N, C-alpha and C. Protein backbone atom coordinates (compact mmCIF):
# COMPACT_ATOMS: atom_id res chain seq x y z
N GLN A 1 21.02 23.90 6.04
CA GLN A 1 20.53 23.12 4.93
C GLN A 1 19.03 22.79 5.20
N VAL A 2 18.36 22.80 4.15
CA VAL A 2 16.86 22.42 4.15
C VAL A 2 16.62 21.24 3.62
N GLN A 3 15.84 20.28 4.46
CA GLN A 3 15.35 19.01 3.74
C GLN A 3 13.87 19.06 3.38
N LEU A 4 13.59 18.50 2.59
CA LEU A 4 12.02 18.45 2.10
C LEU A 4 11.64 17.15 1.91
N VAL A 5 10.54 16.69 2.54
CA VAL A 5 10.02 15.34 2.48
C VAL A 5 8.61 15.41 2.08
N GLU A 6 8.26 14.70 0.79
CA GLU A 6 6.98 14.62 0.32
C GLU A 6 6.37 13.32 0.82
N SER A 7 4.99 13.36 0.78
CA SER A 7 4.15 12.32 1.25
C SER A 7 2.85 12.44 0.56
N GLY A 8 1.96 11.37 0.65
CA GLY A 8 0.61 11.46 0.17
C GLY A 8 0.43 10.85 -1.13
N GLY A 9 1.39 10.50 -1.89
CA GLY A 9 1.15 9.82 -3.26
C GLY A 9 0.65 8.51 -2.91
N GLY A 10 0.32 7.73 -4.14
CA GLY A 10 -0.40 6.39 -3.93
C GLY A 10 -1.08 6.16 -5.18
N LEU A 11 -1.84 5.05 -5.20
CA LEU A 11 -2.68 4.65 -6.31
C LEU A 11 -4.14 5.08 -6.04
N VAL A 12 -4.63 5.93 -7.16
CA VAL A 12 -6.03 6.24 -7.15
C VAL A 12 -6.80 6.00 -8.37
N GLN A 13 -7.96 5.86 -8.51
CA GLN A 13 -8.70 5.74 -9.68
C GLN A 13 -8.99 7.04 -10.43
N ALA A 14 -9.08 6.95 -11.71
CA ALA A 14 -9.31 8.20 -12.57
C ALA A 14 -10.51 8.81 -11.83
N GLY A 15 -10.45 10.15 -11.79
CA GLY A 15 -11.56 10.90 -11.17
C GLY A 15 -11.36 11.20 -9.61
N GLY A 16 -10.52 10.39 -8.98
CA GLY A 16 -10.27 10.61 -7.64
C GLY A 16 -9.38 11.69 -7.23
N SER A 17 -9.12 11.86 -5.99
CA SER A 17 -8.20 13.03 -5.38
C SER A 17 -7.15 12.45 -4.54
N LEU A 18 -6.12 13.21 -4.50
CA LEU A 18 -5.18 12.93 -3.56
C LEU A 18 -4.62 14.31 -3.01
N ARG A 19 -4.18 14.36 -1.82
CA ARG A 19 -3.50 15.44 -1.19
C ARG A 19 -1.99 15.19 -0.86
N LEU A 20 -1.17 15.97 -1.55
CA LEU A 20 0.26 15.59 -1.17
C LEU A 20 0.80 16.76 -0.26
N SER A 21 1.68 16.26 0.53
CA SER A 21 2.25 17.15 1.50
C SER A 21 3.86 17.22 1.29
N CYS A 22 4.44 18.33 1.78
CA CYS A 22 5.94 18.41 1.63
C CYS A 22 6.22 19.29 2.84
N VAL A 23 6.90 18.56 3.90
CA VAL A 23 7.28 19.23 5.05
C VAL A 23 8.77 19.62 4.96
N ALA A 24 9.20 20.70 5.48
CA ALA A 24 10.60 21.19 5.40
C ALA A 24 11.13 21.18 6.82
N SER A 25 12.34 20.80 6.89
CA SER A 25 13.16 20.73 8.06
C SER A 25 14.47 21.16 7.96
N GLY A 26 15.23 21.45 8.96
CA GLY A 26 16.56 21.94 8.80
C GLY A 26 16.71 23.31 9.70
N ARG A 27 17.44 24.23 8.87
CA ARG A 27 17.61 25.35 9.48
C ARG A 27 16.37 26.31 9.62
N THR A 28 16.28 27.36 10.12
CA THR A 28 15.04 28.25 10.16
C THR A 28 14.43 28.31 8.76
N PHE A 29 13.31 27.79 8.67
CA PHE A 29 12.72 27.78 7.21
C PHE A 29 11.90 28.95 6.93
N SER A 30 12.37 29.73 6.12
CA SER A 30 11.68 30.92 5.53
C SER A 30 12.06 31.06 4.13
N PRO A 31 11.38 30.24 3.35
CA PRO A 31 11.63 30.38 1.88
C PRO A 31 11.02 31.50 1.08
N TYR A 32 11.53 31.82 -0.01
CA TYR A 32 10.77 32.89 -0.76
C TYR A 32 9.62 32.31 -1.43
N ALA A 33 9.66 31.11 -1.87
CA ALA A 33 8.46 30.38 -2.55
C ALA A 33 8.74 28.82 -2.42
N MET A 34 7.61 28.11 -2.74
CA MET A 34 7.66 26.82 -2.67
C MET A 34 6.92 26.33 -3.96
N GLY A 35 7.48 25.23 -4.56
CA GLY A 35 6.81 24.69 -5.84
C GLY A 35 6.46 23.36 -5.96
N TRP A 36 5.70 23.00 -6.80
CA TRP A 36 5.38 21.36 -7.01
C TRP A 36 5.86 21.23 -8.57
N PHE A 37 6.47 20.20 -8.79
CA PHE A 37 6.83 19.69 -10.23
C PHE A 37 6.36 18.21 -10.27
N ARG A 38 6.46 17.74 -11.44
CA ARG A 38 6.13 16.28 -11.60
C ARG A 38 7.15 15.84 -12.84
N GLN A 39 7.19 14.58 -12.72
CA GLN A 39 8.08 13.88 -13.90
C GLN A 39 7.57 12.53 -14.23
N ALA A 40 7.04 12.40 -15.29
CA ALA A 40 6.56 11.01 -15.86
C ALA A 40 7.67 10.21 -16.44
N PRO A 41 7.59 9.03 -16.59
CA PRO A 41 8.73 8.16 -17.08
C PRO A 41 8.91 8.60 -18.58
N GLY A 42 10.11 8.88 -18.86
CA GLY A 42 10.43 9.36 -20.31
C GLY A 42 10.23 10.79 -20.65
N LYS A 43 9.81 11.55 -19.70
CA LYS A 43 9.43 12.95 -19.93
C LYS A 43 10.25 13.85 -18.97
N GLU A 44 10.32 15.05 -19.38
CA GLU A 44 11.01 16.08 -18.58
C GLU A 44 10.22 16.46 -17.36
N ARG A 45 10.97 16.92 -16.26
CA ARG A 45 10.21 17.29 -15.06
C ARG A 45 9.49 18.64 -15.57
N GLU A 46 8.27 18.82 -15.05
CA GLU A 46 7.46 19.98 -15.40
C GLU A 46 6.76 20.73 -14.27
N PHE A 47 6.79 21.98 -14.43
CA PHE A 47 6.16 22.88 -13.30
C PHE A 47 4.60 22.53 -13.30
N MET A 48 4.12 22.60 -12.11
CA MET A 48 2.72 22.61 -11.93
C MET A 48 2.17 23.78 -11.06
N SER A 49 2.81 24.15 -9.90
CA SER A 49 2.19 25.22 -9.14
C SER A 49 3.29 25.75 -8.20
N ALA A 50 3.07 27.00 -7.75
CA ALA A 50 4.10 27.56 -6.83
C ALA A 50 3.37 28.50 -6.00
N SER A 51 4.01 28.68 -4.77
CA SER A 51 3.38 29.67 -3.97
C SER A 51 4.37 30.39 -3.32
N LYS A 52 4.17 31.66 -3.25
CA LYS A 52 5.15 32.75 -2.54
C LYS A 52 4.77 32.45 -0.89
N TRP A 53 5.81 32.27 -0.13
CA TRP A 53 5.62 31.78 1.26
C TRP A 53 4.99 33.02 2.15
N SER A 54 5.45 34.19 1.99
CA SER A 54 4.81 35.15 2.71
C SER A 54 3.45 35.71 2.40
N SER A 55 3.41 36.05 0.96
CA SER A 55 2.09 36.51 0.58
C SER A 55 1.09 35.41 0.18
N GLY A 56 1.52 34.27 -0.08
CA GLY A 56 0.46 33.35 -0.50
C GLY A 56 0.21 33.43 -1.98
N THR A 57 0.79 34.37 -2.71
CA THR A 57 0.37 34.39 -3.98
C THR A 57 0.74 33.10 -4.75
N THR A 58 -0.23 32.60 -5.57
CA THR A 58 -0.07 31.27 -6.10
C THR A 58 0.02 31.34 -7.66
N TYR A 59 0.65 30.36 -8.25
CA TYR A 59 0.79 30.27 -9.77
C TYR A 59 0.60 28.84 -10.10
N TYR A 60 -0.09 28.69 -11.31
CA TYR A 60 -0.32 27.32 -11.84
C TYR A 60 0.03 27.23 -13.21
N ALA A 61 0.40 26.01 -13.66
CA ALA A 61 0.37 25.74 -14.99
C ALA A 61 -0.82 25.68 -15.69
N ASP A 62 -1.10 25.91 -16.87
CA ASP A 62 -2.42 25.94 -17.44
C ASP A 62 -3.15 24.49 -17.25
N PHE A 63 -2.38 23.52 -17.43
CA PHE A 63 -3.05 22.21 -17.44
C PHE A 63 -3.54 21.65 -16.14
N VAL A 64 -3.33 22.32 -15.02
CA VAL A 64 -3.73 22.00 -13.77
C VAL A 64 -4.72 23.00 -13.10
N LYS A 65 -4.90 24.05 -13.79
CA LYS A 65 -5.80 24.99 -13.30
C LYS A 65 -7.26 24.46 -13.16
N GLY A 66 -7.88 24.75 -12.09
CA GLY A 66 -9.13 24.24 -11.74
C GLY A 66 -9.22 22.91 -11.32
N ARG A 67 -8.10 22.13 -11.24
CA ARG A 67 -8.09 20.65 -10.72
C ARG A 67 -7.19 20.61 -9.50
N PHE A 68 -5.99 21.44 -9.54
CA PHE A 68 -5.02 21.33 -8.42
C PHE A 68 -5.06 22.50 -7.72
N THR A 69 -4.79 22.48 -6.40
CA THR A 69 -4.70 23.70 -5.48
C THR A 69 -3.51 23.53 -4.64
N ILE A 70 -2.74 24.45 -4.65
CA ILE A 70 -1.45 24.55 -3.71
C ILE A 70 -1.88 25.47 -2.37
N SER A 71 -1.44 25.08 -1.37
CA SER A 71 -1.61 25.75 -0.09
C SER A 71 -0.52 25.45 0.81
N ARG A 72 -0.51 26.33 1.90
CA ARG A 72 0.72 26.27 2.73
C ARG A 72 0.30 26.43 4.22
N ASP A 73 1.08 25.90 5.12
CA ASP A 73 0.81 26.18 6.53
C ASP A 73 2.22 26.58 7.04
N ASN A 74 2.23 27.78 7.12
CA ASN A 74 3.61 28.37 7.50
C ASN A 74 4.11 27.92 8.87
N GLY A 75 3.18 27.73 9.72
CA GLY A 75 3.47 27.33 11.21
C GLY A 75 4.13 25.84 11.18
N LYS A 76 3.56 25.06 10.16
CA LYS A 76 4.13 23.62 10.21
C LYS A 76 5.13 23.46 9.10
N ASN A 77 5.61 24.50 8.46
CA ASN A 77 6.68 24.52 7.48
C ASN A 77 6.14 23.34 6.32
N THR A 78 4.88 23.40 5.98
CA THR A 78 4.32 22.44 5.03
C THR A 78 3.77 23.17 3.92
N VAL A 79 3.80 22.58 2.66
CA VAL A 79 3.18 23.02 1.64
C VAL A 79 2.32 21.79 1.13
N TYR A 80 1.14 22.04 0.55
CA TYR A 80 0.23 20.95 0.12
C TYR A 80 -0.03 21.17 -1.35
N LEU A 81 -0.40 20.13 -1.99
CA LEU A 81 -0.99 20.15 -3.22
C LEU A 81 -2.35 19.18 -3.32
N GLN A 82 -3.35 19.81 -3.41
CA GLN A 82 -4.58 19.11 -3.43
C GLN A 82 -4.91 18.74 -4.90
N MET A 83 -5.06 17.55 -5.19
CA MET A 83 -5.21 17.20 -6.72
C MET A 83 -6.52 16.44 -6.84
N ASN A 84 -7.42 17.00 -7.72
CA ASN A 84 -8.78 16.49 -7.78
C ASN A 84 -9.02 16.08 -9.30
N SER A 85 -10.00 15.42 -9.53
CA SER A 85 -10.34 14.97 -11.01
C SER A 85 -9.12 14.33 -11.62
N LEU A 86 -8.30 13.48 -10.92
CA LEU A 86 -6.99 13.01 -11.44
C LEU A 86 -7.43 12.03 -12.70
N LYS A 87 -6.32 12.13 -13.62
CA LYS A 87 -6.45 11.53 -14.92
C LYS A 87 -5.20 10.64 -15.03
N PRO A 88 -5.21 9.42 -15.84
CA PRO A 88 -4.21 8.60 -15.97
C PRO A 88 -2.92 9.30 -16.39
N GLU A 89 -3.07 10.50 -17.18
CA GLU A 89 -1.81 11.15 -17.58
C GLU A 89 -1.32 12.09 -16.53
N ASP A 90 -1.88 12.09 -15.21
CA ASP A 90 -1.36 12.72 -14.00
C ASP A 90 -0.32 11.85 -13.30
N ALA A 91 -0.34 10.55 -13.81
CA ALA A 91 0.59 9.66 -12.99
C ALA A 91 2.13 10.13 -13.33
N ALA A 92 2.90 10.20 -12.13
CA ALA A 92 4.37 10.77 -12.24
C ALA A 92 4.78 10.59 -10.76
N VAL A 93 6.01 11.05 -10.72
CA VAL A 93 6.64 11.37 -9.43
C VAL A 93 6.57 12.75 -9.20
N TYR A 94 5.97 13.08 -8.07
CA TYR A 94 5.73 14.46 -7.81
C TYR A 94 6.79 15.06 -6.88
N TYR A 95 7.28 16.10 -7.16
CA TYR A 95 8.31 16.79 -6.22
C TYR A 95 8.10 18.17 -5.80
N CYS A 96 8.39 18.33 -4.54
CA CYS A 96 8.34 19.71 -4.10
C CYS A 96 9.69 20.36 -4.05
N ALA A 97 9.74 21.75 -4.12
CA ALA A 97 11.09 22.39 -4.21
C ALA A 97 10.95 23.65 -3.50
N ALA A 98 12.00 24.33 -3.04
CA ALA A 98 11.94 25.49 -2.23
C ALA A 98 12.91 26.50 -2.91
N VAL A 99 12.45 27.74 -3.07
CA VAL A 99 13.29 28.78 -3.55
C VAL A 99 13.64 29.61 -2.23
N LEU A 100 15.05 29.68 -1.96
CA LEU A 100 15.45 30.13 -0.67
C LEU A 100 15.89 31.53 -0.79
N ARG A 101 16.09 32.08 -2.04
CA ARG A 101 16.64 33.31 -2.28
C ARG A 101 15.54 34.47 -2.56
N PRO A 102 15.47 35.51 -1.92
CA PRO A 102 14.20 36.46 -2.11
C PRO A 102 14.40 37.10 -3.60
N GLY A 103 13.13 37.23 -4.16
CA GLY A 103 12.94 38.01 -5.25
C GLY A 103 13.13 37.23 -6.55
N VAL A 104 13.28 35.95 -6.48
CA VAL A 104 13.55 35.13 -7.70
C VAL A 104 12.35 35.15 -8.55
N LEU A 105 12.53 35.46 -9.67
CA LEU A 105 11.55 35.51 -10.82
C LEU A 105 11.38 34.06 -11.51
N ASN A 106 10.43 33.81 -12.33
CA ASN A 106 10.32 32.60 -13.17
C ASN A 106 10.18 31.36 -12.30
N LEU A 107 9.21 31.38 -11.32
CA LEU A 107 8.93 30.33 -10.52
C LEU A 107 8.64 29.02 -11.31
N TRP A 108 8.37 29.13 -12.58
CA TRP A 108 8.07 27.87 -13.32
C TRP A 108 9.32 27.22 -13.72
N ARG A 109 10.45 27.75 -13.44
CA ARG A 109 11.77 27.27 -13.97
C ARG A 109 12.49 26.43 -12.99
N MET A 110 12.79 25.22 -13.14
CA MET A 110 13.50 24.38 -12.20
C MET A 110 14.68 25.09 -11.67
N ALA A 111 15.45 25.74 -12.50
CA ALA A 111 16.61 26.37 -12.06
C ALA A 111 16.51 27.42 -10.90
N SER A 112 15.29 27.80 -10.79
CA SER A 112 15.00 28.88 -9.76
C SER A 112 14.98 28.31 -8.45
N TYR A 113 14.95 27.04 -8.21
CA TYR A 113 14.68 26.32 -6.90
C TYR A 113 16.06 25.88 -6.38
N ASP A 114 16.28 25.92 -5.09
CA ASP A 114 17.45 25.79 -4.50
C ASP A 114 17.57 24.36 -3.72
N SER A 115 16.36 23.75 -3.28
CA SER A 115 16.34 22.58 -2.69
C SER A 115 15.14 21.79 -3.14
N TRP A 116 15.41 20.53 -3.30
CA TRP A 116 14.34 19.54 -3.68
C TRP A 116 14.13 18.35 -2.85
N GLY A 117 12.91 17.74 -2.78
CA GLY A 117 12.55 16.67 -2.13
C GLY A 117 13.02 15.37 -2.99
N GLN A 118 12.65 14.35 -2.42
CA GLN A 118 12.97 13.01 -3.11
C GLN A 118 11.86 12.56 -4.12
N GLY A 119 10.66 13.19 -3.88
CA GLY A 119 9.61 12.71 -4.61
C GLY A 119 8.69 11.79 -4.11
N THR A 120 7.30 11.73 -4.47
CA THR A 120 6.32 10.75 -4.16
C THR A 120 5.70 10.33 -5.32
N GLN A 121 5.36 9.08 -5.49
CA GLN A 121 4.80 8.42 -6.66
C GLN A 121 3.30 8.51 -6.71
N VAL A 122 2.76 9.08 -7.72
CA VAL A 122 1.30 9.01 -8.06
C VAL A 122 0.99 8.24 -9.15
N THR A 123 0.06 7.24 -8.89
CA THR A 123 -0.30 6.32 -10.04
C THR A 123 -1.97 6.45 -10.08
N VAL A 124 -2.35 6.64 -11.39
CA VAL A 124 -3.91 6.83 -11.55
C VAL A 124 -4.18 5.68 -12.50
N SER A 125 -5.19 4.89 -12.14
CA SER A 125 -5.73 3.86 -12.75
C SER A 125 -6.91 4.25 -13.66
N SER A 126 -7.16 3.79 -14.79
CA SER A 126 -8.29 4.19 -15.58
C SER A 126 -9.32 3.28 -15.39
C-alpha cells in the first residue's frame, strides 16, 4: 500500500509563491504517474498537473500553465508543485495522487488515480 503525504501549504500574499511536496512511502514505489489536484470550498476537485514517473512528461490544466510547475525526484519518491504568481482564487486544499497501473490514459481524471494524500491547505490573501 502506498501512502502519500503532502506538505508546504500555508498562507501567502497574492503574487507570492509556494512549493508543495508530496512524499510517497510504503511498498516499492514505482508509479506510472503522479498528479496534483485541488478543491476549493463548495467546488469540485479539479486537475492541475501530472507527471509520468519514468519519462517526466508533464501535463497542465490551462489555468495553471505558466504559473505552476510540476517536478519529481525519483530517488526521494517525491513530487513537487511550484506555484508562482498566486491569486486569491488559488486558495484550496491541494492533493497529490498516484497512478499505480501502467498505461493509464486521461491523467486529468480523478478516477485514473489509485492513491491519494490527505491534502495541504493553501490560503492566498489579497
